[in-house]
Amino acid sequence: MRIRKNDTVLIRSGKDRGKQGKVLRVLPTEGVLLVEGLNIVKRHTKPRSTVRQAGIIQKEAPLALSKVELVCPKCGKPAKTGQKFLEDGKKVRVCKKCLEVID
């Protein structure tokens, strides 16, 4: 898994193409993730005892992992990631553009 929670990602396709946001949740078994404030959809909900608010509610919909790209926190550019082992044996992600450790 190359993208984790709290990473900044760039959306590569769809209605929010070119926008950046923070990852709220990653569902690796389904191959999707939720990005804060992006891919907003409207859902019509009925009033129930478990639902706090009825009516038209806006919320984030899942995005496919293939539609986003990780933004390097060091260089600020979308980049592919590689993996590298540190001296202590820890495995970390590395930006392939600036060769800096991401984690």
Protein backbone atom coordinates (compact mmCIF):
# COMPACT_ATOMS: atom_id res chain seq x y z
CA MET A 1 0.00 0.00 0.00
CA ARG A 2 1.62 3.24 -1.15
CA ILE A 3 -0.96 5.70 0.22
CA ARG A 4 -1.81 5.95 3.90
CA LYS A 5 -4.07 7.97 6.17
CA ASN A 6 -3.12 11.69 6.55
CA ASP A 7 -1.13 11.71 3.27
CA THR A 8 -1.73 14.55 0.82
CA VAL A 9 -2.87 13.32 -2.59
CA LEU A 10 -3.54 14.87 -5.99
CA ILE A 11 -6.60 13.73 -7.92
CA ARG A 12 -5.61 12.75 -11.47
CA SER A 13 -9.04 12.24 -13.07
CA GLY A 14 -12.71 12.91 -12.51
CA LYS A 15 -14.69 16.01 -11.62
CA ASP A 16 -12.12 17.14 -9.01
CA ARG A 17 -9.07 16.66 -11.24
CA GLY A 18 -6.08 18.77 -10.20
CA LYS A 19 -7.22 19.31 -6.61
CA GLN A 20 -5.29 18.23 -3.54
CA GLY A 21 -6.61 16.92 -0.26
CA LYS A 22 -5.80 14.95 2.87
CA VAL A 23 -6.65 11.24 3.03
CA LEU A 24 -9.24 10.51 5.71
CA ARG A 25 -9.54 6.75 5.30
CA VAL A 26 -8.08 3.99 3.12
CA LEU A 27 -9.93 0.76 2.33
CA PRO A 28 -7.25 -1.47 0.75
CA THR A 29 -9.47 -4.53 0.27
CA GLU A 30 -11.85 -2.48 -1.90
CA GLY A 31 -9.09 -0.38 -3.50
CA VAL A 32 -10.65 2.97 -2.53
CA LEU A 33 -9.96 5.92 -0.24
CA LEU A 34 -11.76 8.97 1.14
CA VAL A 35 -10.25 12.42 0.57
CA GLU A 36 -11.25 15.34 2.80
CA GLY A 37 -13.53 17.82 1.01
CA LEU A 38 -13.28 16.17 -2.43
CA ASN A 39 -15.62 13.95 -4.48
CA ILE A 40 -18.64 15.34 -2.62
CA VAL A 41 -21.99 13.66 -3.32
CA LYS A 42 -25.50 14.41 -2.08
CA ARG A 43 -27.51 11.75 -0.28
CA HIS A 44 -31.21 11.96 0.54
CA THR A 45 -31.88 10.52 3.98
CA LYS A 46 -35.11 9.85 5.83
CA PRO A 47 -35.55 10.87 9.46
CA ARG A 48 -34.82 7.91 11.76
CA SER A 49 -33.83 7.49 15.37
CA THR A 50 -30.23 6.61 14.39
CA VAL A 51 -29.82 9.39 11.79
CA ARG A 52 -29.05 12.77 13.31
CA GLN A 53 -30.12 14.86 10.36
CA ALA A 54 -32.71 14.19 7.67
CA GLY A 55 -32.89 15.73 4.22
CA ILE A 56 -30.15 16.26 1.66
CA ILE A 57 -26.71 15.57 3.17
CA GLN A 58 -23.38 16.19 1.46
CA LYS A 59 -20.53 13.77 2.16
CA GLU A 60 -17.32 12.44 0.65
CA ALA A 61 -17.61 9.44 -1.65
CA PRO A 62 -14.80 6.90 -2.08
CA LEU A 63 -12.25 7.38 -4.86
CA ALA A 64 -10.33 4.61 -6.60
CA LEU A 65 -6.66 4.36 -5.62
CA SER A 66 -5.71 4.46 -9.29
CA LYS A 67 -7.17 7.98 -9.63
CA VAL A 68 -4.90 9.62 -7.04
CA GLU A 69 -1.18 10.25 -6.74
CA LEU A 70 0.82 10.92 -3.59
CA VAL A 71 2.21 14.45 -3.15
CA CYS A 72 5.70 14.53 -1.64
CA PRO A 73 5.75 16.66 1.53
CA LYS A 74 9.36 17.73 0.88
CA CYS A 75 9.26 18.86 -2.78
CA GLY A 76 5.48 19.48 -2.98
CA LYS A 77 5.14 17.69 -6.31
CA PRO A 78 3.14 14.57 -7.17
CA ALA A 79 5.62 11.73 -7.42
CA LYS A 80 5.86 7.99 -7.55
CA THR A 81 7.18 6.27 -4.49
CA GLY A 82 9.77 3.61 -3.96
CA GLN A 83 10.75 1.60 -0.92
CA LYS A 84 14.02 1.62 0.96
CA PHE A 85 15.43 -0.03 4.07
CA LEU A 86 17.11 2.20 6.65
CA GLU A 87 20.19 1.22 8.67
CA ASP A 88 18.03 0.04 11.56
CA GLY A 89 16.10 -2.29 9.22
CA LYS A 90 12.95 -0.16 8.99
CA LYS A 91 11.20 -0.09 5.61
CA VAL A 92 10.17 3.43 4.48
CA ARG A 93 8.65 5.12 1.44
CA VAL A 94 10.91 7.30 -0.71
CA CYS A 95 9.99 10.02 -3.24
CA LYS A 96 11.48 9.11 -6.62
CA LYS A 97 11.83 12.78 -7.66
CA CYS A 98 13.75 14.24 -4.72
CA LEU A 99 14.89 10.93 -3.13
CA GLU A 100 13.70 12.04 0.33
CA VAL A 101 12.14 9.74 2.91
CA ILE A 102 8.37 10.31 3.18
CA ASP A 103 7.64 8.49 6.47
